[in-house]
Amino acid sequence: MAMAPIRLGLRRIRQQGLLTTGRLSRSLKANGLGDQAFLSQVHRFERLLAKLLAAAMIVVLVVATGELVITLINQLLGGSSHWLGNDMTRFLDQILALLIALEVLQNLTAYLRDHVVQIELVLITALTALARKVIVMPEGMLKTPGELAGLGVAVLALSSAYWLVRQSHSSRSPTRREPTSGFPEPDRSLQPGDAAEG
């Protein structure tokens, strides 16, 4: 019995056309809340967030590189001759961590440039992170056969995924004729007959 007034109210709203999709959509568009306006706001937010993350990664890379250089200078000036032990392992670990951070920065800049997440870069970053774990086995990590087998399976899975992505890209014809980056190196995707035309 309590539902009857609610049903009556909804019926009246429908009859008066207050709840129609068209009228609601026109009202939202008139107030700047239409689909295109909303999507442009989301796109603007994504770009701003990617720029903030890229700036944060630049700060992290500069500070970490400075710390690595200072550590290296202290080791050299301190007369440390234990480069083949733990010092070498820590140094390699820091270099690989910097490479991973650099690849994350490349992922962010590629997103800003192309507006898509490039799966190849993500897979390369994951492979580098996994290689870091394999090359510089952390001291606290137990090296049981199961864990080593798990790392091996992860390396094979990521390598296979990267190979599949590369194969899918190589089977397509190139769509760009100009270099995609600001580097002065020539674009290798040009066909042999293209140089004679230009």
Protein backbone atom coordinates (compact mmCIF):
# COMPACT_ATOMS: atom_id res chain seq x y z
CA MET A 1 0.00 0.00 0.00
CA ALA A 2 2.90 2.39 0.69
CA MET A 3 4.19 1.82 -2.84
CA ALA A 4 1.04 3.16 -4.50
CA PRO A 5 1.91 6.88 -4.00
CA ILE A 6 5.41 6.28 -5.34
CA ARG A 7 4.03 4.53 -8.44
CA LEU A 8 1.54 7.32 -8.95
CA GLY A 9 4.32 9.91 -8.66
CA LEU A 10 6.52 8.08 -11.16
CA ARG A 11 3.60 7.72 -13.59
CA ARG A 12 2.93 11.48 -13.36
CA ILE A 13 6.64 12.24 -13.98
CA ARG A 14 6.66 9.98 -17.02
CA GLN A 15 3.46 11.47 -18.39
CA GLN A 16 4.79 15.00 -18.05
CA GLY A 17 7.98 13.99 -19.82
CA LEU A 18 10.27 15.03 -17.00
CA LEU A 19 12.25 11.79 -17.01
CA THR A 20 12.80 11.34 -20.73
CA THR A 21 16.33 10.67 -21.86
CA GLY A 22 16.21 13.34 -24.55
CA ARG A 23 15.19 16.13 -22.21
CA LEU A 24 17.73 15.07 -19.58
CA SER A 25 20.46 14.85 -22.22
CA ARG A 26 19.59 18.31 -23.59
CA SER A 27 19.59 19.72 -20.07
CA LEU A 28 23.03 18.23 -19.35
CA LYS A 29 24.44 19.55 -22.64
CA ALA A 30 23.05 23.01 -21.96
CA ASN A 31 24.87 23.03 -18.62
CA GLY A 32 28.16 21.86 -20.17
CA LEU A 33 27.83 18.30 -18.88
CA GLY A 34 27.31 16.43 -22.16
CA ASP A 35 29.29 13.41 -23.26
CA GLN A 36 31.90 15.33 -25.22
CA ALA A 37 32.42 17.90 -22.49
CA PHE A 38 32.73 15.16 -19.88
CA LEU A 39 35.17 13.16 -21.99
CA SER A 40 37.29 16.23 -22.65
CA GLN A 41 37.45 16.87 -18.89
CA VAL A 42 38.51 13.27 -18.28
CA HIS A 43 41.14 13.56 -21.03
CA ARG A 44 42.43 16.83 -19.55
CA PHE A 45 42.67 15.20 -16.10
CA GLU A 46 44.54 12.19 -17.52
CA ARG A 47 47.07 14.42 -19.28
CA LEU A 48 47.58 16.55 -16.16
CA LEU A 49 48.10 13.46 -14.02
CA ALA A 50 50.56 11.97 -16.54
CA LYS A 51 52.51 15.26 -16.57
CA LEU A 52 52.64 15.33 -12.75
CA LEU A 53 53.81 11.71 -12.65
CA ALA A 54 56.46 12.40 -15.31
CA ALA A 55 57.72 15.41 -13.34
CA ALA A 56 57.87 13.28 -10.19
CA MET A 57 59.81 10.59 -12.07
CA ILE A 58 62.29 13.19 -13.32
CA VAL A 59 62.90 14.35 -9.74
CA VAL A 60 63.34 10.74 -8.59
CA LEU A 61 65.77 10.01 -11.44
CA VAL A 62 67.87 13.10 -10.77
CA VAL A 63 68.07 12.44 -7.02
CA ALA A 64 68.78 8.72 -7.46
CA THR A 65 71.45 9.40 -10.10
CA GLY A 66 73.09 11.97 -7.83
CA GLU A 67 73.04 9.50 -4.96
CA LEU A 68 74.58 6.81 -7.18
CA VAL A 69 77.36 9.16 -8.35
CA ILE A 70 78.11 10.27 -4.77
CA THR A 71 78.23 6.66 -3.61
CA LEU A 72 80.56 5.75 -6.48
CA ILE A 73 82.87 8.70 -5.75
CA ASN A 74 82.97 7.80 -2.05
CA GLN A 75 83.82 4.21 -2.91
CA LEU A 76 86.59 5.26 -5.29
CA LEU A 77 88.08 7.91 -2.98
CA GLY A 78 87.68 5.70 0.07
CA GLY A 79 90.04 3.16 -1.43
CA SER A 80 87.54 0.34 -1.40
CA SER A 81 88.91 -2.65 -3.26
CA HIS A 82 85.92 -4.95 -2.75
CA TRP A 83 84.31 -4.36 -6.12
CA LEU A 84 83.67 -8.00 -6.88
CA GLY A 85 81.60 -8.64 -3.76
CA ASN A 86 78.57 -6.96 -2.27
CA ASP A 87 79.61 -3.49 -3.47
CA MET A 88 79.37 -4.59 -7.11
CA THR A 89 76.00 -6.23 -6.48
CA ARG A 90 74.60 -3.08 -4.82
CA PHE A 91 75.97 -0.91 -7.64
CA LEU A 92 74.33 -3.13 -10.31
CA ASP A 93 71.10 -3.10 -8.31
CA GLN A 94 71.06 0.70 -8.23
CA ILE A 95 71.80 0.97 -11.97
CA LEU A 96 69.01 -1.47 -12.83
CA ALA A 97 66.60 0.40 -10.54
CA LEU A 98 67.48 3.62 -12.40
CA LEU A 99 66.84 1.89 -15.74
CA ILE A 100 63.43 0.74 -14.53
CA ALA A 101 62.57 4.28 -13.41
CA LEU A 102 63.75 5.59 -16.79
CA GLU A 103 61.52 3.09 -18.59
CA VAL A 104 58.54 4.16 -16.47
CA LEU A 105 59.28 7.76 -17.51
CA GLN A 106 59.36 6.62 -21.15
CA ASN A 107 55.96 4.94 -20.62
CA LEU A 108 54.54 8.22 -19.31
CA THR A 109 55.98 10.34 -22.11
CA ALA A 110 54.78 7.83 -24.72
CA TYR A 111 51.30 8.09 -23.21
CA LEU A 112 51.45 11.89 -23.37
CA ARG A 113 52.68 11.81 -26.97
CA ASP A 114 50.46 9.07 -28.44
CA HIS A 115 47.53 8.99 -25.96
CA VAL A 116 47.82 5.21 -25.64
CA VAL A 117 49.63 2.87 -23.30
CA GLN A 118 52.29 1.12 -25.37
CA ILE A 119 52.30 -2.53 -24.36
CA GLU A 120 55.85 -3.08 -25.67
CA LEU A 121 57.24 -0.51 -23.23
CA VAL A 122 55.26 -2.00 -20.36
CA LEU A 123 56.58 -5.49 -21.15
CA ILE A 124 60.16 -4.22 -21.44
CA THR A 125 59.82 -2.50 -18.07
CA ALA A 126 58.48 -5.70 -16.51
CA LEU A 127 61.31 -7.73 -18.09
CA THR A 128 63.90 -5.30 -16.74
CA ALA A 129 62.38 -5.49 -13.25
CA LEU A 130 62.38 -9.27 -13.39
CA ALA A 131 65.95 -9.33 -14.74
CA ARG A 132 66.97 -7.12 -11.82
CA LYS A 133 65.52 -9.67 -9.42
CA VAL A 134 67.29 -12.53 -11.22
CA ILE A 135 70.65 -10.77 -11.67
CA VAL A 136 70.82 -9.15 -8.26
CA MET A 137 69.21 -11.74 -6.05
CA PRO A 138 68.29 -9.86 -2.84
CA GLU A 139 70.11 -11.03 0.26
CA GLY A 140 66.94 -11.82 2.21
CA MET A 141 65.39 -13.85 -0.61
CA LEU A 142 65.44 -17.59 -0.16
CA LYS A 143 66.76 -19.29 -3.22
CA THR A 144 64.62 -22.41 -3.15
CA PRO A 145 64.15 -24.37 -6.36
CA GLY A 146 60.44 -23.46 -6.41
CA GLU A 147 61.15 -19.73 -6.29
CA LEU A 148 63.81 -20.00 -8.98
CA ALA A 149 61.43 -22.02 -11.16
CA GLY A 150 58.75 -19.37 -10.60
CA LEU A 151 61.14 -16.63 -11.71
CA GLY A 152 62.05 -18.71 -14.75
CA VAL A 153 58.40 -19.19 -15.69
CA ALA A 154 57.79 -15.45 -15.26
CA VAL A 155 60.76 -14.63 -17.52
CA LEU A 156 59.48 -17.07 -20.16
CA ALA A 157 55.93 -15.69 -19.96
CA LEU A 158 57.03 -12.06 -20.29
CA SER A 159 59.49 -12.91 -23.07
CA SER A 160 56.79 -14.82 -24.95
CA ALA A 161 54.33 -11.95 -24.55
CA TYR A 162 56.93 -9.48 -25.81
CA TRP A 163 57.74 -11.73 -28.78
CA LEU A 164 54.04 -12.05 -29.66
CA VAL A 165 53.55 -8.28 -29.50
CA ARG A 166 56.64 -7.72 -31.69
CA GLN A 167 55.41 -10.32 -34.19
CA SER A 168 52.00 -8.68 -34.41
CA HIS A 169 53.64 -5.29 -35.06
CA SER A 170 56.09 -6.61 -37.66
CA SER A 171 53.33 -8.29 -39.69
CA ARG A 172 51.58 -4.91 -40.18
CA SER A 173 52.86 -2.40 -42.69
CA PRO A 174 54.31 0.79 -41.18
CA THR A 175 51.82 3.64 -40.91
CA ARG A 176 54.28 6.45 -40.20
CA ARG A 177 56.75 7.91 -42.62
CA GLU A 178 58.48 10.35 -40.25
CA PRO A 179 60.43 9.58 -37.07
CA THR A 180 58.24 9.33 -33.96
CA SER A 181 60.78 10.91 -31.63
CA GLY A 182 62.84 14.06 -31.62
CA PHE A 183 66.07 12.15 -32.17
CA PRO A 184 67.97 12.89 -35.39
CA GLU A 185 68.41 9.24 -36.36
CA PRO A 186 66.72 8.13 -39.61
CA ASP A 187 63.41 6.29 -39.59
CA ARG A 188 64.08 2.64 -40.45
CA SER A 189 60.47 2.08 -41.50
CA LEU A 190 61.00 3.84 -44.87
CA GLN A 191 60.77 1.53 -47.83
CA PRO A 192 63.73 1.34 -50.28
CA GLY A 193 61.73 3.04 -53.09
CA ASP A 194 60.66 5.94 -50.84
CA ALA A 195 64.11 7.59 -50.83
CA ALA A 196 64.07 8.00 -54.63
CA GLU A 197 60.66 9.70 -54.54
CA GLY A 198 61.61 12.33 -51.90
